[in-house]
All heavy atoms as atom14 arrays in JSON, in Angstrom:
{
  "sequence": "NQPESPQSLQNAGKYIGILERVLIFLFVLTNHFEAVGFLLAAKS",
  "atom14_mask": [
    [1, 1, 1, 1, 1, 1, 1, 1, 0, 0, 0, 0, 0, 0],
    [1, 1, 1, 1, 1, 1, 1, 1, 1, 0, 0, 0, 0, 0],
    [1, 1, 1, 1, 1, 1, 1, 0, 0, 0, 0, 0, 0, 0],
    [1, 1, 1, 1, 1, 1, 1, 1, 1, 0, 0, 0, 0, 0],
    [1, 1, 1, 1, 1, 1, 0, 0, 0, 0, 0, 0, 0, 0],
    [1, 1, 1, 1, 1, 1, 1, 0, 0, 0, 0, 0, 0, 0],
    [1, 1, 1, 1, 1, 1, 1, 1, 1, 0, 0, 0, 0, 0],
    [1, 1, 1, 1, 1, 1, 0, 0, 0, 0, 0, 0, 0, 0],
    [1, 1, 1, 1, 1, 1, 1, 1, 0, 0, 0, 0, 0, 0],
    [1, 1, 1, 1, 1, 1, 1, 1, 1, 0, 0, 0, 0, 0],
    [1, 1, 1, 1, 1, 1, 1, 1, 0, 0, 0, 0, 0, 0],
    [1, 1, 1, 1, 1, 0, 0, 0, 0, 0, 0, 0, 0, 0],
    [1, 1, 1, 1, 0, 0, 0, 0, 0, 0, 0, 0, 0, 0],
    [1, 1, 1, 1, 1, 1, 1, 1, 1, 0, 0, 0, 0, 0],
    [1, 1, 1, 1, 1, 1, 1, 1, 1, 1, 1, 1, 0, 0],
    [1, 1, 1, 1, 1, 1, 1, 1, 0, 0, 0, 0, 0, 0],
    [1, 1, 1, 1, 0, 0, 0, 0, 0, 0, 0, 0, 0, 0],
    [1, 1, 1, 1, 1, 1, 1, 1, 0, 0, 0, 0, 0, 0],
    [1, 1, 1, 1, 1, 1, 1, 1, 0, 0, 0, 0, 0, 0],
    [1, 1, 1, 1, 1, 1, 1, 1, 1, 0, 0, 0, 0, 0],
    [1, 1, 1, 1, 1, 1, 1, 1, 1, 1, 1, 0, 0, 0],
    [1, 1, 1, 1, 1, 1, 1, 0, 0, 0, 0, 0, 0, 0],
    [1, 1, 1, 1, 1, 1, 1, 1, 0, 0, 0, 0, 0, 0],
    [1, 1, 1, 1, 1, 1, 1, 1, 0, 0, 0, 0, 0, 0],
    [1, 1, 1, 1, 1, 1, 1, 1, 1, 1, 1, 0, 0, 0],
    [1, 1, 1, 1, 1, 1, 1, 1, 0, 0, 0, 0, 0, 0],
    [1, 1, 1, 1, 1, 1, 1, 1, 1, 1, 1, 0, 0, 0],
    [1, 1, 1, 1, 1, 1, 1, 0, 0, 0, 0, 0, 0, 0],
    [1, 1, 1, 1, 1, 1, 1, 1, 0, 0, 0, 0, 0, 0],
    [1, 1, 1, 1, 1, 1, 1, 0, 0, 0, 0, 0, 0, 0],
    [1, 1, 1, 1, 1, 1, 1, 1, 0, 0, 0, 0, 0, 0],
    [1, 1, 1, 1, 1, 1, 1, 1, 1, 1, 0, 0, 0, 0],
    [1, 1, 1, 1, 1, 1, 1, 1, 1, 1, 1, 0, 0, 0],
    [1, 1, 1, 1, 1, 1, 1, 1, 1, 0, 0, 0, 0, 0],
    [1, 1, 1, 1, 1, 0, 0, 0, 0, 0, 0, 0, 0, 0],
    [1, 1, 1, 1, 1, 1, 1, 0, 0, 0, 0, 0, 0, 0],
    [1, 1, 1, 1, 0, 0, 0, 0, 0, 0, 0, 0, 0, 0],
    [1, 1, 1, 1, 1, 1, 1, 1, 1, 1, 1, 0, 0, 0],
    [1, 1, 1, 1, 1, 1, 1, 1, 0, 0, 0, 0, 0, 0],
    [1, 1, 1, 1, 1, 1, 1, 1, 0, 0, 0, 0, 0, 0],
    [1, 1, 1, 1, 1, 0, 0, 0, 0, 0, 0, 0, 0, 0],
    [1, 1, 1, 1, 1, 0, 0, 0, 0, 0, 0, 0, 0, 0],
    [1, 1, 1, 1, 1, 1, 1, 1, 1, 0, 0, 0, 0, 0],
    [1, 1, 1, 1, 1, 1, 0, 0, 0, 0, 0, 0, 0, 0]
  ],
  "atom14_positions": [
    [[-120.22, -59.99, -14.16], [-119.38, -58.82, -13.97], [-118.01, -59.05, -14.73], [-116.9, -59.0, -14.26], [-119.02, -58.69, -12.49], [-120.22, -58.45, -11.75], [-121.18, -57.71, -12.08], [-120.29, -59.05, -10.53], [0.0, 0.0, 0.0], [0.0, 0.0, 0.0], [0.0, 0.0, 0.0], [0.0, 0.0, 0.0], [0.0, 0.0, 0.0], [0.0, 0.0, 0.0]],
    [[-118.13, -59.39, -16.05], [-116.94, -59.55, -16.91], [-117.05, -58.55, -18.05], [-117.24, -58.98, -19.25], [-116.88, -61.03, -17.44], [-116.57, -62.08, -16.31], [-115.22, -61.87, -15.8], [-114.26, -61.33, -16.35], [-114.9, -62.4, -14.59], [0.0, 0.0, 0.0], [0.0, 0.0, 0.0], [0.0, 0.0, 0.0], [0.0, 0.0, 0.0], [0.0, 0.0, 0.0]],
    [[-116.89, -57.33, -17.78], [-116.91, -56.31, -18.82], [-115.77, -56.43, -19.75], [-114.65, -56.94, -19.38], [-116.87, -54.95, -18.04], [-116.05, -55.25, -16.85], [-116.51, -56.73, -16.53], [0.0, 0.0, 0.0], [0.0, 0.0, 0.0], [0.0, 0.0, 0.0], [0.0, 0.0, 0.0], [0.0, 0.0, 0.0], [0.0, 0.0, 0.0], [0.0, 0.0, 0.0]],
    [[-115.96, -56.07, -21.02], [-114.99, -56.21, -21.98], [-113.77, -55.3, -21.64], [-114.0, -54.12, -21.4], [-115.45, -55.91, -23.41], [-114.38, -56.27, -24.51], [-115.08, -56.23, -25.88], [-116.3, -55.81, -25.98], [-114.33, -56.27, -26.89], [0.0, 0.0, 0.0], [0.0, 0.0, 0.0], [0.0, 0.0, 0.0], [0.0, 0.0, 0.0], [0.0, 0.0, 0.0]],
    [[-112.58, -55.75, -21.75], [-111.4, -54.98, -21.46], [-111.31, -53.82, -22.34], [-111.56, -53.88, -23.64], [-110.19, -55.82, -21.58], [-109.0, -55.0, -21.46], [0.0, 0.0, 0.0], [0.0, 0.0, 0.0], [0.0, 0.0, 0.0], [0.0, 0.0, 0.0], [0.0, 0.0, 0.0], [0.0, 0.0, 0.0], [0.0, 0.0, 0.0], [0.0, 0.0, 0.0]],
    [[-110.92, -52.59, -21.87], [-110.85, -51.41, -22.7], [-109.75, -51.55, -23.75], [-109.75, -50.85, -24.78], [-110.46, -50.32, -21.78], [-109.9, -50.93, -20.57], [-110.65, -52.25, -20.41], [0.0, 0.0, 0.0], [0.0, 0.0, 0.0], [0.0, 0.0, 0.0], [0.0, 0.0, 0.0], [0.0, 0.0, 0.0], [0.0, 0.0, 0.0], [0.0, 0.0, 0.0]],
    [[-108.73, -52.58, -23.56], [-107.62, -52.85, -24.45], [-108.1, -53.77, -25.49], [-107.34, -54.01, -26.52], [-106.48, -53.27, -23.74], [-105.92, -52.19, -22.74], [-104.69, -52.75, -21.99], [-104.45, -53.97, -22.05], [-104.01, -51.87, -21.26], [0.0, 0.0, 0.0], [0.0, 0.0, 0.0], [0.0, 0.0, 0.0], [0.0, 0.0, 0.0], [0.0, 0.0, 0.0]],
    [[-109.34, -54.39, -25.34], [-109.71, -55.29, -26.32], [-110.42, -54.7, -27.46], [-111.15, -53.8, -27.34], [-110.71, -56.32, -25.63], [-111.21, -57.27, -26.54], [0.0, 0.0, 0.0], [0.0, 0.0, 0.0], [0.0, 0.0, 0.0], [0.0, 0.0, 0.0], [0.0, 0.0, 0.0], [0.0, 0.0, 0.0], [0.0, 0.0, 0.0], [0.0, 0.0, 0.0]],
    [[-110.27, -55.26, -28.67], [-110.89, -54.74, -29.88], [-112.48, -55.07, -29.73], [-112.83, -56.23, -29.24], [-110.24, -55.4, -31.07], [-108.92, -55.07, -31.39], [-108.28, -55.91, -32.58], [-108.71, -53.57, -31.64], [0.0, 0.0, 0.0], [0.0, 0.0, 0.0], [0.0, 0.0, 0.0], [0.0, 0.0, 0.0], [0.0, 0.0, 0.0], [0.0, 0.0, 0.0]],
    [[-113.16, -54.28, -30.32], [-114.67, -54.52, -30.25], [-115.09, -55.75, -31.11], [-114.62, -55.93, -32.24], [-115.38, -53.3, -30.86], [-116.9, -53.38, -30.64], [-117.67, -52.11, -31.22], [-117.04, -51.25, -31.76], [-118.87, -51.98, -30.89], [0.0, 0.0, 0.0], [0.0, 0.0, 0.0], [0.0, 0.0, 0.0], [0.0, 0.0, 0.0], [0.0, 0.0, 0.0]],
    [[-115.79, -56.62, -30.37], [-116.25, -57.9, -31.1], [-115.08, -58.83, -31.56], [-115.39, -59.61, -32.45], [-117.24, -57.62, -32.19], [-118.54, -56.95, -31.77], [-119.02, -57.24, -30.8], [-118.96, -55.96, -32.61], [0.0, 0.0, 0.0], [0.0, 0.0, 0.0], [0.0, 0.0, 0.0], [0.0, 0.0, 0.0], [0.0, 0.0, 0.0], [0.0, 0.0, 0.0]],
    [[-113.99, -58.53, -31.0], [-112.83, -59.39, -31.46], [-113.02, -60.87, -31.23], [-112.65, -61.7, -32.09], [-111.43, -58.95, -30.7], [0.0, 0.0, 0.0], [0.0, 0.0, 0.0], [0.0, 0.0, 0.0], [0.0, 0.0, 0.0], [0.0, 0.0, 0.0], [0.0, 0.0, 0.0], [0.0, 0.0, 0.0], [0.0, 0.0, 0.0], [0.0, 0.0, 0.0]],
    [[-113.56, -61.24, -30.08], [-113.74, -62.6, -29.69], [-114.63, -63.35, -30.68], [-114.42, -64.46, -31.1], [0.0, 0.0, 0.0], [0.0, 0.0, 0.0], [0.0, 0.0, 0.0], [0.0, 0.0, 0.0], [0.0, 0.0, 0.0], [0.0, 0.0, 0.0], [0.0, 0.0, 0.0], [0.0, 0.0, 0.0], [0.0, 0.0, 0.0], [0.0, 0.0, 0.0]],
    [[-115.77, -62.66, -31.24], [-116.64, -63.16, -32.14], [-115.97, -63.6, -33.45], [-116.15, -64.65, -33.97], [-117.89, -62.28, -32.33], [-118.88, -62.78, -33.42], [-120.01, -61.81, -33.43], [-119.62, -60.46, -33.97], [-120.72, -59.53, -34.2], [0.0, 0.0, 0.0], [0.0, 0.0, 0.0], [0.0, 0.0, 0.0], [0.0, 0.0, 0.0], [0.0, 0.0, 0.0]],
    [[-115.18, -62.58, -33.95], [-114.58, -62.73, -35.23], [-113.41, -63.75, -35.11], [-113.08, -64.44, -36.05], [-114.03, -61.35, -35.74], [-115.2, -60.53, -36.13], [-115.45, -59.27, -35.36], [-116.13, -60.8, -37.15], [-116.55, -58.54, -35.6], [-117.25, -60.06, -37.41], [-117.49, -58.78, -36.69], [-118.49, -58.04, -36.95], [0.0, 0.0, 0.0], [0.0, 0.0, 0.0]],
    [[-112.77, -63.82, -34.04], [-111.63, -64.79, -33.86], [-112.34, -66.23, -33.86], [-111.72, -67.15, -34.44], [-111.05, -64.54, -32.52], [-110.09, -63.27, -32.58], [-110.1, -65.79, -31.99], [-109.44, -62.94, -31.18], [0.0, 0.0, 0.0], [0.0, 0.0, 0.0], [0.0, 0.0, 0.0], [0.0, 0.0, 0.0], [0.0, 0.0, 0.0], [0.0, 0.0, 0.0]],
    [[-113.42, -66.3, -33.25], [-114.11, -67.74, -33.27], [-114.54, -68.06, -34.68], [-114.41, -69.12, -35.0], [0.0, 0.0, 0.0], [0.0, 0.0, 0.0], [0.0, 0.0, 0.0], [0.0, 0.0, 0.0], [0.0, 0.0, 0.0], [0.0, 0.0, 0.0], [0.0, 0.0, 0.0], [0.0, 0.0, 0.0], [0.0, 0.0, 0.0], [0.0, 0.0, 0.0]],
    [[-115.0, -67.14, -35.5], [-115.35, -67.4, -36.87], [-114.22, -67.84, -37.65], [-114.28, -68.78, -38.39], [-116.17, -66.15, -37.5], [-117.49, -65.92, -36.79], [-116.26, -66.37, -38.98], [-118.1, -64.57, -37.23], [0.0, 0.0, 0.0], [0.0, 0.0, 0.0], [0.0, 0.0, 0.0], [0.0, 0.0, 0.0], [0.0, 0.0, 0.0], [0.0, 0.0, 0.0]],
    [[-113.11, -67.16, -37.42], [-111.91, -67.4, -38.27], [-111.38, -68.8, -37.84], [-110.95, -69.54, -38.73], [-110.76, -66.35, -37.98], [-111.1, -64.94, -38.63], [-110.06, -63.97, -38.22], [-111.03, -65.15, -40.16], [0.0, 0.0, 0.0], [0.0, 0.0, 0.0], [0.0, 0.0, 0.0], [0.0, 0.0, 0.0], [0.0, 0.0, 0.0], [0.0, 0.0, 0.0]],
    [[-111.37, -69.11, -36.56], [-110.85, -70.42, -36.2], [-111.72, -71.53, -36.73], [-111.15, -72.59, -37.1], [-110.77, -70.53, -34.59], [-111.97, -70.66, -33.93], [-111.79, -70.74, -32.41], [-110.71, -70.34, -31.91], [-112.71, -71.11, -31.74], [0.0, 0.0, 0.0], [0.0, 0.0, 0.0], [0.0, 0.0, 0.0], [0.0, 0.0, 0.0], [0.0, 0.0, 0.0]],
    [[-112.9, -71.37, -36.65], [-113.88, -72.41, -37.24], [-113.72, -72.56, -38.78], [-113.65, -73.75, -39.24], [-115.35, -72.07, -36.86], [-115.62, -72.29, -35.4], [-117.21, -72.18, -35.11], [-117.8, -70.91, -35.55], [-117.85, -69.97, -34.66], [-117.33, -70.03, -33.44], [-118.38, -68.75, -35.03], [0.0, 0.0, 0.0], [0.0, 0.0, 0.0], [0.0, 0.0, 0.0]],
    [[-113.54, -71.55, -39.45], [-113.37, -71.52, -40.91], [-112.04, -72.24, -41.23], [-111.92, -73.08, -42.09], [-113.48, -70.2, -41.55], [-113.03, -70.32, -42.98], [-114.88, -69.61, -41.43], [0.0, 0.0, 0.0], [0.0, 0.0, 0.0], [0.0, 0.0, 0.0], [0.0, 0.0, 0.0], [0.0, 0.0, 0.0], [0.0, 0.0, 0.0], [0.0, 0.0, 0.0]],
    [[-111.06, -71.94, -40.36], [-109.65, -72.53, -40.64], [-109.66, -73.95, -40.38], [-109.14, -74.89, -41.08], [-108.64, -71.96, -39.7], [-108.2, -70.54, -40.06], [-107.3, -69.92, -39.07], [-107.48, -70.53, -41.51], [0.0, 0.0, 0.0], [0.0, 0.0, 0.0], [0.0, 0.0, 0.0], [0.0, 0.0, 0.0], [0.0, 0.0, 0.0], [0.0, 0.0, 0.0]],
    [[-110.4, -74.4, -39.27], [-110.55, -75.84, -38.9], [-111.26, -76.58, -39.96], [-111.01, -77.73, -40.38], [-111.29, -75.97, -37.55], [-110.39, -75.47, -36.36], [-111.67, -77.51, -37.32], [-111.18, -75.38, -35.13], [0.0, 0.0, 0.0], [0.0, 0.0, 0.0], [0.0, 0.0, 0.0], [0.0, 0.0, 0.0], [0.0, 0.0, 0.0], [0.0, 0.0, 0.0]],
    [[-112.34, -75.86, -40.51], [-113.15, -76.46, -41.62], [-112.21, -76.71, -42.82], [-112.29, -77.82, -43.44], [-114.21, -75.45, -42.05], [-115.19, -75.87, -43.03], [-116.12, -76.83, -42.87], [-115.15, -75.25, -44.34], [-116.98, -77.23, -43.9], [-115.96, -75.54, -45.37], [-116.93, -76.57, -45.15], [0.0, 0.0, 0.0], [0.0, 0.0, 0.0], [0.0, 0.0, 0.0]],
    [[-111.43, -75.81, -43.21], [-110.53, -76.0, -44.29], [-109.48, -77.07, -44.05], [-109.07, -77.89, -44.91], [-109.81, -74.76, -44.75], [-110.76, -73.59, -45.14], [-110.0, -72.32, -45.42], [-111.41, -74.03, -46.4], [0.0, 0.0, 0.0], [0.0, 0.0, 0.0], [0.0, 0.0, 0.0], [0.0, 0.0, 0.0], [0.0, 0.0, 0.0], [0.0, 0.0, 0.0]],
    [[-108.94, -77.19, -42.77], [-107.94, -78.13, -42.4], [-108.49, -79.51, -42.51], [-107.81, -80.47, -43.02], [-107.45, -77.86, -40.99], [-106.62, -76.56, -40.84], [-106.63, -76.01, -39.57], [-105.86, -76.06, -41.82], [-105.82, -74.79, -39.45], [-105.16, -74.92, -41.72], [-105.19, -74.21, -40.43], [0.0, 0.0, 0.0], [0.0, 0.0, 0.0], [0.0, 0.0, 0.0]],
    [[-109.73, -79.74, -42.03], [-110.33, -81.04, -42.11], [-110.55, -81.43, -43.56], [-110.3, -82.56, -43.92], [-111.61, -81.09, -41.27], [-112.27, -82.41, -41.42], [-111.22, -80.89, -39.85], [0.0, 0.0, 0.0], [0.0, 0.0, 0.0], [0.0, 0.0, 0.0], [0.0, 0.0, 0.0], [0.0, 0.0, 0.0], [0.0, 0.0, 0.0], [0.0, 0.0, 0.0]],
    [[-111.1, -80.53, -44.31], [-111.41, -80.88, -45.73], [-110.2, -81.23, -46.49], [-110.24, -81.93, -47.48], [-112.23, -79.69, -46.44], [-113.6, -79.34, -45.89], [-114.18, -78.26, -46.76], [-114.52, -80.52, -46.03], [0.0, 0.0, 0.0], [0.0, 0.0, 0.0], [0.0, 0.0, 0.0], [0.0, 0.0, 0.0], [0.0, 0.0, 0.0], [0.0, 0.0, 0.0]],
    [[-109.1, -80.57, -46.25], [-107.86, -80.84, -46.92], [-106.97, -81.93, -46.09], [-105.78, -82.19, -46.56], [-106.92, -79.54, -46.97], [-106.73, -79.01, -45.66], [-107.69, -78.59, -47.91], [0.0, 0.0, 0.0], [0.0, 0.0, 0.0], [0.0, 0.0, 0.0], [0.0, 0.0, 0.0], [0.0, 0.0, 0.0], [0.0, 0.0, 0.0], [0.0, 0.0, 0.0]],
    [[-107.53, -82.56, -45.24], [-106.93, -83.71, -44.45], [-105.64, -83.26, -43.76], [-104.72, -84.03, -43.83], [-106.61, -84.89, -45.49], [-106.34, -86.17, -44.78], [-106.94, -86.45, -43.75], [-105.59, -87.01, -45.26], [0.0, 0.0, 0.0], [0.0, 0.0, 0.0], [0.0, 0.0, 0.0], [0.0, 0.0, 0.0], [0.0, 0.0, 0.0], [0.0, 0.0, 0.0]],
    [[-105.7, -82.17, -43.18], [-104.62, -81.71, -42.35], [-105.0, -81.6, -40.83], [-105.08, -80.44, -40.3], [-104.03, -80.37, -42.86], [-103.28, -80.41, -44.14], [-103.91, -80.32, -45.37], [-101.96, -80.66, -44.28], [-102.99, -80.6, -46.34], [-101.84, -80.7, -45.76], [0.0, 0.0, 0.0], [0.0, 0.0, 0.0], [0.0, 0.0, 0.0], [0.0, 0.0, 0.0]],
    [[-105.24, -82.65, -40.2], [-105.79, -82.67, -38.85], [-104.78, -82.27, -37.92], [-105.06, -81.69, -36.88], [-106.16, -84.17, -38.53], [-107.48, -84.53, -39.09], [-107.66, -85.14, -40.35], [-108.74, -84.26, -38.41], [-108.92, -85.51, -40.75], [-109.96, -84.61, -38.9], [-110.06, -85.17, -40.1], [0.0, 0.0, 0.0], [0.0, 0.0, 0.0], [0.0, 0.0, 0.0]],
    [[-103.43, -82.36, -38.2], [-102.34, -81.79, -37.37], [-102.42, -80.35, -37.27], [-102.14, -79.85, -36.11], [-100.95, -82.26, -37.92], [-100.49, -81.64, -39.1], [-101.19, -82.23, -40.38], [-101.92, -83.14, -40.34], [-100.83, -81.62, -41.45], [0.0, 0.0, 0.0], [0.0, 0.0, 0.0], [0.0, 0.0, 0.0], [0.0, 0.0, 0.0], [0.0, 0.0, 0.0]],
    [[-102.87, -79.7, -38.21], [-103.02, -78.2, -38.16], [-104.23, -77.88, -37.11], [-104.01, -76.76, -36.51], [-103.34, -77.63, -39.55], [0.0, 0.0, 0.0], [0.0, 0.0, 0.0], [0.0, 0.0, 0.0], [0.0, 0.0, 0.0], [0.0, 0.0, 0.0], [0.0, 0.0, 0.0], [0.0, 0.0, 0.0], [0.0, 0.0, 0.0], [0.0, 0.0, 0.0]],
    [[-105.13, -78.68, -36.97], [-106.19, -78.35, -36.07], [-105.56, -78.4, -34.53], [-105.94, -77.55, -33.73], [-107.33, -79.42, -35.99], [-108.45, -79.12, -34.93], [-107.99, -79.43, -37.45], [0.0, 0.0, 0.0], [0.0, 0.0, 0.0], [0.0, 0.0, 0.0], [0.0, 0.0, 0.0], [0.0, 0.0, 0.0], [0.0, 0.0, 0.0], [0.0, 0.0, 0.0]],
    [[-104.79, -79.46, -34.35], [-104.17, -79.56, -33.09], [-103.2, -78.36, -32.8], [-103.13, -77.82, -31.66], [0.0, 0.0, 0.0], [0.0, 0.0, 0.0], [0.0, 0.0, 0.0], [0.0, 0.0, 0.0], [0.0, 0.0, 0.0], [0.0, 0.0, 0.0], [0.0, 0.0, 0.0], [0.0, 0.0, 0.0], [0.0, 0.0, 0.0], [0.0, 0.0, 0.0]],
    [[-102.49, -77.82, -33.79], [-101.65, -76.73, -33.72], [-102.46, -75.49, -33.3], [-102.01, -74.74, -32.61], [-100.81, -76.57, -35.1], [-100.0, -75.31, -35.01], [-98.7, -75.23, -34.4], [-100.49, -74.24, -35.64], [-97.97, -74.1, -34.38], [-99.75, -73.0, -35.67], [-98.57, -72.91, -35.02], [0.0, 0.0, 0.0], [0.0, 0.0, 0.0], [0.0, 0.0, 0.0]],
    [[-103.59, -75.45, -34.11], [-104.45, -74.18, -33.83], [-104.93, -74.19, -32.44], [-104.93, -73.08, -31.75], [-105.62, -74.2, -34.84], [-106.5, -72.88, -34.81], [-105.77, -71.69, -35.1], [-107.68, -73.09, -35.73], [0.0, 0.0, 0.0], [0.0, 0.0, 0.0], [0.0, 0.0, 0.0], [0.0, 0.0, 0.0], [0.0, 0.0, 0.0], [0.0, 0.0, 0.0]],
    [[-105.34, -75.36, -31.78], [-105.86, -75.38, -30.44], [-104.76, -75.18, -29.48], [-104.96, -74.37, -28.59], [-106.35, -76.82, -30.24], [-106.97, -77.14, -28.83], [-108.08, -76.19, -28.49], [-107.41, -78.58, -28.66], [0.0, 0.0, 0.0], [0.0, 0.0, 0.0], [0.0, 0.0, 0.0], [0.0, 0.0, 0.0], [0.0, 0.0, 0.0], [0.0, 0.0, 0.0]],
    [[-103.52, -75.56, -29.73], [-102.43, -75.43, -28.88], [-102.04, -73.84, -28.97], [-101.77, -73.27, -27.84], [-101.14, -76.19, -29.35], [0.0, 0.0, 0.0], [0.0, 0.0, 0.0], [0.0, 0.0, 0.0], [0.0, 0.0, 0.0], [0.0, 0.0, 0.0], [0.0, 0.0, 0.0], [0.0, 0.0, 0.0], [0.0, 0.0, 0.0], [0.0, 0.0, 0.0]],
    [[-102.09, -73.31, -30.17], [-101.75, -71.83, -30.2], [-102.76, -71.0, -29.45], [-102.29, -70.03, -28.73], [-101.68, -71.4, -31.6], [0.0, 0.0, 0.0], [0.0, 0.0, 0.0], [0.0, 0.0, 0.0], [0.0, 0.0, 0.0], [0.0, 0.0, 0.0], [0.0, 0.0, 0.0], [0.0, 0.0, 0.0], [0.0, 0.0, 0.0], [0.0, 0.0, 0.0]],
    [[-103.93, -71.36, -29.59], [-105.03, -70.51, -28.91], [-104.91, -70.66, -27.42], [-105.03, -69.72, -26.6], [-106.45, -71.08, -29.39], [-107.48, -70.16, -28.62], [-108.92, -70.52, -29.17], [-109.93, -69.72, -28.55], [-111.26, -70.03, -29.01], [0.0, 0.0, 0.0], [0.0, 0.0, 0.0], [0.0, 0.0, 0.0], [0.0, 0.0, 0.0], [0.0, 0.0, 0.0]],
    [[-104.52, -71.97, -26.92], [-104.34, -72.11, -25.6], [-103.23, -71.36, -24.94], [-103.35, -70.87, -23.86], [-104.14, -73.69, -25.27], [-105.23, -74.46, -25.79], [0.0, 0.0, 0.0], [0.0, 0.0, 0.0], [0.0, 0.0, 0.0], [0.0, 0.0, 0.0], [0.0, 0.0, 0.0], [0.0, 0.0, 0.0], [0.0, 0.0, 0.0], [0.0, 0.0, 0.0]]
  ]
}
């Protein structure tokens, strides 16, 4: 019983997840692990 909020964009959660994974991927490849922590904190 967790319907998507009418104020929420369609499939927004899916695309947010994809973007965050790609950003983390780039951060790790460029040796910027601190940015991963910042992203996790911002999402929280």
